[in-house]
Structures are given as C-alpha cells and as structure tokens.
Amino acid sequence: MTLKDRFLRYVRINTRSNDEITDRTPSTEVQWDLARALEKELKELGMQDVKLNEKCIVTATLLANTDKKIPVIGFLAHVDTSSDFNGENVNPQIIENYDGEDIPLGGTRTLSPKEFPDLKKYIGQTLITTDGTSLLGADDKAGVAEIMSAMEYLLAHPEIKHGTVRVAFTPDEEIGLGIHAFDVEQFGADFAYTLDGGALGEMEYENFNACRAYITVTGKSVHPGDAKDIMLNSQRVFFEFDALLPEDQRPEHTEKREGFFHLWKMPAASVEETKGVYLLRDHDATKFDIKKQRIHDAADFLNKKYGAGTVQVEILDQYRNMREVLEPVIHIVDTAKQAMRDLGITPIEQPIRGGTDGAQLSYKGLPTPNLFAGGHNFHGPYEYTVLESMQRAVDVVVRIIELYAQK
C-alpha cells in the first residue's frame, strides 16, 4: 500500500474525540474503528506482539535483526481528530503539481496563498486538502500513516540493520487525556518520538505547560419586572470575571513563548447559571503558576463582591513543558537533527504553541520529542498536507533507526 493510499484510507474513518467526556478512554466509540483497522494491518505487515488493549491503544514490535546492543526506540501517533470542527464524511482533494494559485474547497471557502503564504513553498508538489466541509485529519493520521509506512519499508528491506522498534497508536490526544492510560513500562522503549508536528523539518522538544480552568457562575433569576435589588445575572458576573484577566494575554495577542488565557467555550449561559472553560498556557512554569493564581484571584474578588460561592473554579492540569526532561538526554534530539541533515532537510527547532503526547510521556519516564508529519492548518476546513513532506517523514524515521544501529 502506498503512503498516499494509506493516508487517504485512514482520514476517511471518523475518529473525533469528545472534549466533554473526561471519565473514560477513549472518549468516543468511533476511535475503535481505526484502532482495529491498524491492529489488523500491523499483523498483515508482519509486525510482532501486536496488541489492542481496553483503552484503545495499539502497540506492536519490529524485532531487531542484529545482535548488536541498540536502544529500543518507540514511535507514536494518535488516532483521534479534533472536535473543533466536523470530522465526518472526510472527502480529500488531491492537488497534483500544485501551481501556487487559489484552491477552491467548495462553497465559499478557498485555500489561498494570500491567506496561507506557506502554500507557495509547495509549488510543483502534491497537496491533499479538504473539500471545505470537514477537517482533513492530517493531525495526526499523517503521523500514523508515516509510521506504518516506515515499518513496512524496514520489513521489506532486512539488509537495513536495526534494533528493536516499538510503535504505538493512541486515542484522545486532542483532549489531552488518552496518554494518561499509556503504560510506559510495558511499552518497553528507552526513548521515543511522536510524529505529530507540522511542516517539513519541524521538531519540537519544548511545549506549553497547560491546564483547563472550569468556571461556574451562579446567579439569581427573577422576573425582570421585579428584579431591582434581587436579580443577579450570572452572565454579567461572568463578563466581569473575564474582564479581570489581562486582555494582552489572549491568544490573538500572543506569539512565540508568550502564554495566554483563552476563553475556549461557554457550555451554558443564562441568568441563573453561566459556565466557561479557559485554556491556560505558558512555556515558563513560574508564569504558568501565576496564571492559575490569577484565575483564583478573580474568583475570590467576585465572591467578596457578590457572595461566597458565586464563582467556582476547578482547574484540571493537562501536561507540562517536556524540555526539562529532554535536556539530560539531548542525544535523542541531536540524532533526529542528524537524520534530517543526512537527508538534506534543514531542522527547524521551535517551541510548540500547544501540546503533544510527548510531553506527558516524557514526564511518565519516556523521553519523547516531536517530529514533523507534513500537515498545515490543523483542526479546520483549511487543513492540508504535503505528500512529499510525508514521505520525507517516513525517511527520517528510517534514518533515525539506522543511526542508532550504527552508533
């Protein structure tokens, strides 16, 4: 199966996770569909020790073909796609020999280099885009396809000497929870890489510290004709709460290593009760703790003004910056950079303005930086991937494995 065909097969399987379900893994039943397909395909490829566990985690082993002592390397990607946009009935468009012009996506949507200038880098290459009605799912089915293709290549080329390689495909990365169920000890790798990044050459070993802040404001609802000195409109109290957070630390005003408070969604809004969910992010641990405290301080201020319990806060930690875990074993990053240079790819090091399963894995004892997978504009209808970049990701996986066998 070609890399393109494999990718197209995967993206047509709906695997949206559900950020409102936090008490079970996987959060959605549809993720099992791709997991079971991968289990079957891994067995057909000839991988060993193929398992699909009760948490929808697929693992498999490529056995060493040399007696040389080589570290066990892991490669991971996630099967779920974001719940931020429609993930059903994905109908990819194949744009061969891209000419650098606008790409109609259907309806009123257009993928244009005027809005997305990176497109100009890929003139003459093959793009895979959405049809404008759904996301594509390159995040992270590109990574899944690349790992599968790399394993297929190594199985077909036994002359390439390698140590034991472990692969895993996991659920619920998009809601930051699936990797909680991952058994690092059972996986048995010395270190690993996720293929969950963007453009060709990108590699990340620094990410946001992250949490969610769940805010519930309780008001008092009475008939507006009789409301004087009685009604407490929870929506307006919530607006006050939001105004107490620094406006210049919203996502639309930040970049690079600047953190933010992001009002992500409001599940309920009425006079009686208003709920909001904030995403708090910062690369710096101290600044991250300050952001958490600002949330509590705003709630305390309003509770003094309107009465105890008016504003309730629950904070759910998601992941931490993996850099401090990876720095003592920086050879993992250096080897990935060497693999790219050997293949004529310029490594692009940058902090992730987001998260990755690698962050949680690193703190669970499995150092795991993140490598590019070739996609752009994740989580929406303008998502696309570059087939040539995906193939280069396959090449990087193989080269990393070769380099460790040669050390």
Protein backbone atom coordinates (compact mmCIF):
# COMPACT_ATOMS: atom_id res chain seq x y z
CA MET A 1 0.00 0.00 0.00
CA THR A 2 1.38 3.41 -0.90
CA LEU A 3 1.77 6.15 1.67
CA LYS A 4 -0.89 8.23 -0.08
CA ASP A 5 -3.39 5.39 -0.23
CA ARG A 6 -2.77 4.51 3.39
CA PHE A 7 -3.32 8.10 4.49
CA LEU A 8 -6.48 8.50 2.43
CA ARG A 9 -7.85 5.30 3.90
CA TYR A 10 -7.26 6.50 7.46
CA VAL A 11 -8.69 10.02 7.08
CA ARG A 12 -11.97 8.66 5.77
CA ILE A 13 -12.54 6.94 9.12
CA ASN A 14 -14.22 9.32 11.57
CA THR A 15 -12.26 9.33 14.84
CA ARG A 16 -13.27 12.58 16.55
CA SER A 17 -12.62 12.65 20.27
CA ASN A 18 -15.02 14.43 22.63
CA ASP A 19 -13.62 17.08 24.97
CA GLU A 20 -16.75 16.93 27.13
CA ILE A 21 -16.10 13.31 28.12
CA THR A 22 -13.24 13.05 30.59
CA ASP A 23 -14.18 9.98 32.62
CA ARG A 24 -13.40 7.25 30.09
CA THR A 25 -10.80 6.34 27.48
CA PRO A 26 -11.43 6.50 24.60
CA SER A 27 -13.86 9.37 24.83
CA THR A 28 -15.70 8.19 21.68
CA GLU A 29 -16.51 4.76 20.30
CA VAL A 30 -15.55 5.73 16.73
CA GLN A 31 -11.86 5.72 17.62
CA TRP A 32 -12.04 1.93 17.88
CA ASP A 33 -12.73 1.73 14.14
CA LEU A 34 -9.28 2.97 13.16
CA ALA A 35 -7.59 1.19 16.07
CA ARG A 36 -8.99 -2.17 14.95
CA ALA A 37 -8.00 -1.48 11.35
CA LEU A 38 -4.45 -0.71 12.46
CA GLU A 39 -4.29 -3.84 14.59
CA LYS A 40 -5.24 -5.93 11.55
CA GLU A 41 -2.83 -4.10 9.24
CA LEU A 42 0.11 -4.43 11.63
CA LYS A 43 -0.41 -8.18 11.77
CA GLU A 44 -0.63 -8.36 7.99
CA LEU A 45 2.63 -6.40 7.66
CA GLY A 46 4.41 -8.97 9.83
CA MET A 47 4.89 -6.90 12.98
CA GLN A 48 5.19 -8.87 16.21
CA ASP A 49 3.44 -8.67 19.58
CA VAL A 50 0.51 -6.72 18.10
CA LYS A 51 -1.96 -5.72 20.81
CA LEU A 52 -5.07 -3.58 21.08
CA ASN A 53 -5.87 -3.02 24.74
CA GLU A 54 -9.02 -2.00 26.58
CA LYS A 55 -8.08 1.70 26.34
CA CYS A 56 -7.93 1.67 22.52
CA ILE A 57 -4.12 1.74 22.46
CA VAL A 58 -2.49 -0.26 19.66
CA THR A 59 1.12 -1.42 20.14
CA ALA A 60 3.43 -3.58 18.07
CA THR A 61 7.10 -4.57 17.77
CA LEU A 62 9.60 -4.64 14.94
CA LEU A 63 12.10 -7.19 16.17
CA ALA A 64 15.83 -6.44 15.99
CA ASN A 65 17.68 -8.05 13.10
CA THR A 66 21.12 -7.73 14.67
CA ASP A 67 22.76 -8.94 17.89
CA LYS A 68 24.32 -5.53 18.47
CA LYS A 69 23.17 -3.79 21.65
CA ILE A 70 20.96 -0.94 20.45
CA PRO A 71 18.44 1.16 22.42
CA VAL A 72 14.78 0.27 21.94
CA ILE A 73 13.19 3.18 20.07
CA GLY A 74 9.49 4.00 20.09
CA PHE A 75 7.40 5.88 17.53
CA LEU A 76 3.89 7.12 18.35
CA ALA A 77 0.99 8.91 16.72
CA HIS A 78 -2.61 9.49 17.78
CA VAL A 79 -5.70 8.19 16.03
CA ASP A 80 -8.22 10.82 17.14
CA THR A 81 -9.04 14.07 15.40
CA SER A 82 -10.17 17.34 16.91
CA SER A 83 -13.74 18.01 17.97
CA ASP A 84 -13.31 21.68 16.99
CA PHE A 85 -14.71 21.04 13.51
CA ASN A 86 -16.62 18.40 11.60
CA GLY A 87 -14.68 15.17 11.22
CA GLU A 88 -17.30 13.06 9.48
CA ASN A 89 -17.52 12.25 5.77
CA VAL A 90 -14.00 13.46 5.05
CA ASN A 91 -13.61 13.78 1.29
CA PRO A 92 -9.99 14.70 0.47
CA GLN A 93 -8.95 16.54 -2.65
CA ILE A 94 -5.68 15.56 -4.38
CA ILE A 95 -3.90 18.52 -5.98
CA GLU A 96 -1.02 17.21 -8.07
CA ASN A 97 1.72 19.54 -9.33
CA TYR A 98 0.29 22.46 -7.34
CA ASP A 99 0.53 25.68 -9.34
CA GLY A 100 0.68 28.18 -6.48
CA GLU A 101 -2.83 29.57 -7.07
CA ASP A 102 -6.04 29.51 -5.03
CA ILE A 103 -7.55 26.09 -4.35
CA PRO A 104 -11.38 26.05 -4.25
CA LEU A 105 -12.61 23.96 -1.34
CA GLY A 106 -16.30 24.07 -2.12
CA GLY A 107 -18.96 26.52 -1.06
CA THR A 108 -17.45 29.87 -0.18
CA ARG A 109 -14.14 28.54 1.15
CA THR A 110 -10.84 28.89 -0.71
CA LEU A 111 -7.38 27.76 0.33
CA SER A 112 -5.40 30.77 -0.83
CA PRO A 113 -1.68 31.62 -0.58
CA LYS A 114 -2.78 35.19 0.15
CA GLU A 115 -4.08 33.98 3.50
CA PHE A 116 -1.79 30.97 3.87
CA PRO A 117 1.57 32.01 2.34
CA ASP A 118 3.26 28.68 3.18
CA LEU A 119 1.41 27.24 0.19
CA LYS A 120 3.93 28.94 -2.10
CA LYS A 121 6.64 26.65 -0.73
CA TYR A 122 4.93 23.65 -2.28
CA ILE A 123 4.58 24.66 -5.92
CA GLY A 124 5.05 21.56 -8.06
CA GLN A 125 4.27 19.19 -5.20
CA THR A 126 1.19 17.13 -4.32
CA LEU A 127 -1.21 18.61 -1.79
CA ILE A 128 -4.02 16.78 -0.07
CA THR A 129 -6.73 19.17 1.12
CA THR A 130 -10.24 19.08 2.50
CA ASP A 131 -13.33 19.72 0.39
CA GLY A 132 -14.26 22.55 2.75
CA THR A 133 -16.90 20.64 4.70
CA SER A 134 -14.67 18.93 7.26
CA LEU A 135 -11.20 18.88 8.69
CA LEU A 136 -8.73 16.60 6.95
CA GLY A 137 -7.30 14.64 9.86
CA ALA A 138 -3.63 15.02 8.98
CA ASP A 139 -3.37 15.72 12.69
CA ASP A 140 -2.43 13.00 13.25
CA LYS A 141 -3.31 10.42 10.64
CA ALA A 142 -0.34 11.68 8.65
CA GLY A 143 1.83 10.52 11.55
CA VAL A 144 0.01 7.19 11.74
CA ALA A 145 0.48 6.58 8.01
CA GLU A 146 4.15 7.55 8.15
CA ILE A 147 4.97 5.19 11.00
CA MET A 148 3.11 2.35 9.30
CA SER A 149 4.91 3.02 6.02
CA ALA A 150 8.30 3.15 7.75
CA MET A 151 7.66 -0.22 9.39
CA GLU A 152 6.54 -1.69 6.06
CA TYR A 153 9.74 -0.41 4.44
CA LEU A 154 12.01 -1.88 7.09
CA LEU A 155 10.25 -5.23 6.96
CA ALA A 156 10.75 -5.27 3.19
CA HIS A 157 14.45 -4.32 3.49
CA PRO A 158 16.08 -6.66 6.02
CA GLU A 159 19.50 -5.53 4.80
CA ILE A 160 18.95 -2.37 6.89
CA LYS A 161 20.20 -3.36 10.32
CA HIS A 162 18.21 -2.11 13.28
CA GLY A 163 17.46 -2.73 16.91
CA THR A 164 14.04 -3.41 18.37
CA VAL A 165 11.47 -0.77 17.45
CA ARG A 166 8.17 -0.28 19.25
CA VAL A 167 5.20 1.56 17.76
CA ALA A 168 2.01 2.80 19.39
CA PHE A 169 -1.18 4.47 18.20
CA THR A 170 -3.15 6.16 20.94
CA PRO A 171 -6.58 7.81 21.46
CA ASP A 172 -7.73 11.17 22.82
CA GLU A 173 -4.60 13.25 22.26
CA GLU A 174 -6.75 16.16 21.18
CA ILE A 175 -8.33 16.37 24.63
CA GLY A 176 -5.02 15.78 26.42
CA LEU A 177 -6.19 12.66 28.21
CA GLY A 178 -5.58 9.49 26.19
CA ILE A 179 -1.92 9.15 27.08
CA HIS A 180 -2.86 9.03 30.77
CA ALA A 181 -3.72 5.37 30.15
CA PHE A 182 -0.41 4.57 28.43
CA ASP A 183 1.79 2.02 30.21
CA VAL A 184 5.36 3.23 29.64
CA GLU A 185 6.93 0.26 31.42
CA GLN A 186 5.02 -2.25 29.34
CA PHE A 187 5.86 -0.36 26.15
CA GLY A 188 9.50 -1.03 26.93
CA ALA A 189 11.22 1.67 24.87
CA ASP A 190 14.28 3.59 26.06
CA PHE A 191 13.01 6.75 24.38
CA ALA A 192 10.54 7.63 21.64
CA TYR A 193 9.38 10.15 19.08
CA THR A 194 5.89 11.34 18.26
CA LEU A 195 5.15 12.21 14.64
CA ASP A 196 2.60 14.91 15.30
CA GLY A 197 4.21 18.09 14.00
CA GLY A 198 3.70 20.38 11.06
CA ALA A 199 5.87 21.49 8.16
CA LEU A 200 8.91 19.71 6.76
CA GLY A 201 11.86 19.85 9.16
CA GLU A 202 9.96 20.95 12.25
CA MET A 203 10.97 19.33 15.50
CA GLU A 204 9.92 20.28 18.97
CA TYR A 205 11.18 19.45 22.39
CA GLU A 206 9.61 22.38 24.22
CA ASN A 207 5.88 22.89 24.69
CA PHE A 208 3.38 24.80 26.77
CA ASN A 209 2.55 23.95 30.34
CA ALA A 210 -1.21 23.51 30.09
CA CYS A 211 -4.39 23.28 32.11
CA ARG A 212 -8.09 23.93 31.78
CA ALA A 213 -9.97 26.20 34.15
CA TYR A 214 -13.67 25.39 34.51
CA ILE A 215 -15.63 28.42 35.74
CA THR A 216 -19.18 28.19 37.05
CA VAL A 217 -21.07 31.37 37.97
CA THR A 218 -24.33 31.02 39.88
CA GLY A 219 -26.84 33.86 39.68
CA LYS A 220 -30.36 34.53 40.92
CA SER A 221 -33.15 34.59 38.38
CA VAL A 222 -36.37 36.51 38.98
CA HIS A 223 -38.86 38.17 36.65
CA PRO A 224 -37.12 41.22 35.14
CA GLY A 225 -40.11 43.35 36.08
CA ASP A 226 -39.41 42.62 39.74
CA ALA A 227 -35.63 42.36 39.52
CA LYS A 228 -34.49 45.50 41.30
CA ASP A 229 -32.00 44.68 44.06
CA ILE A 230 -32.81 40.96 43.73
CA MET A 231 -31.65 39.61 40.37
CA LEU A 232 -28.04 38.52 39.96
CA ASN A 233 -27.37 37.87 36.28
CA SER A 234 -24.68 35.19 36.15
CA GLN A 235 -23.81 36.14 32.56
CA ARG A 236 -22.84 39.64 33.57
CA VAL A 237 -20.82 38.36 36.52
CA PHE A 238 -19.00 36.07 34.09
CA PHE A 239 -18.25 39.08 31.87
CA GLU A 240 -16.75 40.78 34.92
CA PHE A 241 -14.66 37.69 35.59
CA ASP A 242 -13.34 37.68 32.04
CA ALA A 243 -12.52 41.40 32.23
CA LEU A 244 -10.35 40.78 35.31
CA LEU A 245 -7.97 38.66 33.19
CA PRO A 246 -5.25 40.51 31.22
CA GLU A 247 -6.51 41.38 27.75
CA ASP A 248 -3.00 41.39 26.27
CA GLN A 249 -2.60 37.73 27.27
CA ARG A 250 -5.26 36.40 24.93
CA PRO A 251 -4.20 34.07 22.09
CA GLU A 252 -4.89 36.69 19.42
CA HIS A 253 -2.31 38.98 21.02
CA THR A 254 0.49 36.49 21.75
CA GLU A 255 3.22 34.62 19.87
CA LYS A 256 6.42 32.59 20.31
CA ARG A 257 6.90 31.82 24.03
CA GLU A 258 4.16 34.15 25.25
CA GLY A 259 1.44 32.37 27.20
CA PHE A 260 -2.26 33.12 27.27
CA PHE A 261 -5.71 32.83 28.84
CA HIS A 262 -8.07 31.50 26.17
CA LEU A 263 -11.83 31.57 26.70
CA TRP A 264 -12.36 28.35 24.80
CA LYS A 265 -16.07 27.72 25.17
CA MET A 266 -19.17 28.59 27.17
CA PRO A 267 -21.27 25.44 27.61
CA ALA A 268 -24.06 27.29 29.42
CA ALA A 269 -25.21 30.88 29.66
CA SER A 270 -28.36 32.09 31.40
CA VAL A 271 -29.35 34.42 34.21
CA GLU A 272 -29.28 31.52 36.65
CA GLU A 273 -26.01 29.86 35.60
CA THR A 274 -23.10 30.54 33.26
CA LYS A 275 -20.21 28.19 32.60
CA GLY A 276 -16.97 28.90 30.80
CA VAL A 277 -13.85 26.89 30.06
CA TYR A 278 -10.47 28.58 29.78
CA LEU A 279 -7.27 27.12 28.39
CA LEU A 280 -4.23 28.38 30.29
CA ARG A 281 -0.85 28.06 28.56
CA ASP A 282 2.74 29.15 29.23
CA HIS A 283 6.18 27.75 28.46
CA ASP A 284 7.55 29.19 31.70
CA ALA A 285 6.49 27.19 34.78
CA THR A 286 6.54 30.21 37.10
CA LYS A 287 4.41 32.32 34.76
CA PHE A 288 2.07 29.36 34.34
CA ASP A 289 1.53 29.17 38.11
CA ILE A 290 0.87 32.91 38.16
CA LYS A 291 -1.83 32.45 35.52
CA LYS A 292 -3.53 29.82 37.66
CA GLN A 293 -3.43 32.17 40.62
CA ARG A 294 -4.95 35.00 38.54
CA ILE A 295 -7.96 32.76 37.92
CA HIS A 296 -8.38 32.12 41.64
CA ASP A 297 -7.83 35.79 42.50
CA ALA A 298 -10.54 36.90 40.04
CA ALA A 299 -12.98 34.41 41.55
CA ASP A 300 -12.13 35.50 45.11
CA PHE A 301 -12.69 39.16 44.20
CA LEU A 302 -16.14 38.47 42.78
CA ASN A 303 -17.12 36.18 45.63
CA LYS A 304 -16.38 39.00 48.06
CA LYS A 305 -18.47 41.35 45.91
CA TYR A 306 -21.48 39.07 45.27
CA GLY A 307 -21.29 36.44 47.99
CA ALA A 308 -19.40 33.24 48.68
CA GLY A 309 -19.83 30.54 46.05
CA THR A 310 -20.98 32.86 43.29
CA VAL A 311 -17.93 31.95 41.20
CA GLN A 312 -16.50 28.45 41.46
CA VAL A 313 -13.23 27.34 39.89
CA GLU A 314 -11.96 23.88 39.02
CA ILE A 315 -8.53 23.53 37.42
CA LEU A 316 -7.55 20.40 35.51
CA ASP A 317 -3.83 20.05 34.74
CA GLN A 318 -3.14 18.59 31.28
CA TYR A 319 0.59 18.50 30.52
CA ARG A 320 3.91 20.15 31.29
CA ASN A 321 6.82 21.50 29.28
CA MET A 322 8.93 18.50 28.29
CA ARG A 323 12.16 20.42 27.77
CA GLU A 324 13.50 19.93 31.29
CA VAL A 325 13.09 16.16 30.92
CA LEU A 326 14.70 16.01 27.47
CA GLU A 327 17.76 18.17 28.13
CA PRO A 328 19.61 15.42 30.09
CA VAL A 329 19.11 13.04 27.12
CA ILE A 330 19.56 15.57 24.34
CA HIS A 331 21.13 12.91 22.11
CA ILE A 332 17.55 11.99 21.16
CA VAL A 333 17.05 15.44 19.67
CA ASP A 334 20.56 15.59 18.19
CA THR A 335 20.10 12.25 16.42
CA ALA A 336 16.82 13.39 14.88
CA LYS A 337 18.51 16.56 13.64
CA GLN A 338 21.36 14.48 12.20
CA ALA A 339 18.86 12.22 10.43
CA MET A 340 17.25 15.25 8.81
CA ARG A 341 20.57 16.75 7.74
CA ASP A 342 21.64 13.41 6.27
CA LEU A 343 18.51 13.56 4.12
CA GLY A 344 19.05 17.16 3.05
CA ILE A 345 16.35 18.52 5.38
CA THR A 346 17.05 21.63 7.44
CA PRO A 347 15.90 21.06 11.05
CA ILE A 348 13.56 23.77 12.31
CA GLU A 349 13.59 23.98 16.10
CA GLN A 350 10.76 25.88 17.69
CA PRO A 351 8.65 25.68 20.83
CA ILE A 352 5.20 24.18 20.37
CA ARG A 353 2.43 26.68 20.96
CA GLY A 354 0.33 23.77 22.06
CA GLY A 355 0.90 20.33 23.48
CA THR A 356 1.80 16.83 22.46
CA ASP A 357 1.51 13.37 23.90
CA GLY A 358 5.30 13.50 24.07
CA ALA A 359 5.10 15.98 26.92
CA GLN A 360 3.10 13.62 29.10
CA LEU A 361 5.17 10.62 28.04
CA SER A 362 8.37 12.45 28.97
CA TYR A 363 7.08 13.03 32.49
CA LYS A 364 5.93 9.42 32.69
CA GLY A 365 9.53 8.33 32.13
CA LEU A 366 9.70 8.01 28.33
CA PRO A 367 11.59 10.99 26.83
CA THR A 368 9.68 11.83 23.64
CA PRO A 369 10.34 14.83 21.37
CA ASN A 370 8.04 15.58 18.44
CA LEU A 371 8.83 15.37 14.71
CA PHE A 372 7.13 16.88 11.68
CA ALA A 373 4.40 14.99 9.86
CA GLY A 374 3.83 17.41 6.98
CA GLY A 375 0.43 18.95 7.78
CA HIS A 376 -0.76 22.56 7.99
CA ASN A 377 -3.79 24.47 9.34
CA PHE A 378 -4.95 21.74 11.69
CA HIS A 379 -8.44 21.46 13.19
CA GLY A 380 -10.42 23.13 10.45
CA PRO A 381 -11.57 23.18 6.83
CA TYR A 382 -8.33 24.76 5.56
CA GLU A 383 -6.21 21.84 6.72
CA TYR A 384 -3.88 20.30 4.15
CA THR A 385 -0.82 18.11 3.98
CA VAL A 386 2.04 17.78 1.51
CA LEU A 387 2.64 14.26 0.23
CA GLU A 388 6.35 14.85 -0.38
CA SER A 389 6.80 16.09 3.20
CA MET A 390 5.01 13.00 4.48
CA GLN A 391 7.40 10.78 2.53
CA ARG A 392 10.34 12.68 4.00
CA ALA A 393 8.93 11.98 7.46
CA VAL A 394 8.99 8.26 6.62
CA ASP A 395 12.62 8.65 5.53
CA VAL A 396 13.51 10.42 8.80
CA VAL A 397 12.03 7.59 10.88
CA VAL A 398 14.07 5.03 8.96
CA ARG A 399 17.22 7.14 9.19
CA ILE A 400 16.91 7.63 12.96
CA ILE A 401 16.65 3.86 13.34
CA GLU A 402 19.70 3.39 11.11
CA LEU A 403 21.77 5.95 13.00
CA TYR A 404 21.21 4.27 16.35
CA ALA A 405 22.17 0.92 14.83
CA GLN A 406 25.41 2.49 13.60
CA LYS A 407 26.44 4.09 16.90
